[in-house]
Amino acid sequence: MLKERLRDLFKSYEPDIRLIVFEVGEFEQENISMKTPHFKEPIDAIVEKIARKRIKQADDKVFEE
């Protein structure tokens, strides 16, 4: 149900932004703990992974032209 609500909430956003939101949400669900509530580094890694993928796609497209 939460995933459906997030999809509806972010449906007008770019696909990369939606992917970040969904992956961060999944990460938080899998790793939620009151003992270690700090997720900055893993969330940064998710954002960086998606950003690098997008940059590579843009670079590949430039070289194709």
Foldseek 3Di string as FASTA:
>chain_A
DVLVVLCVVCVVPDPLVSQLVVVVVVVCVVDPDPVDNDDVVVSVVSNVVSVVVVVVVVVVVVVVD
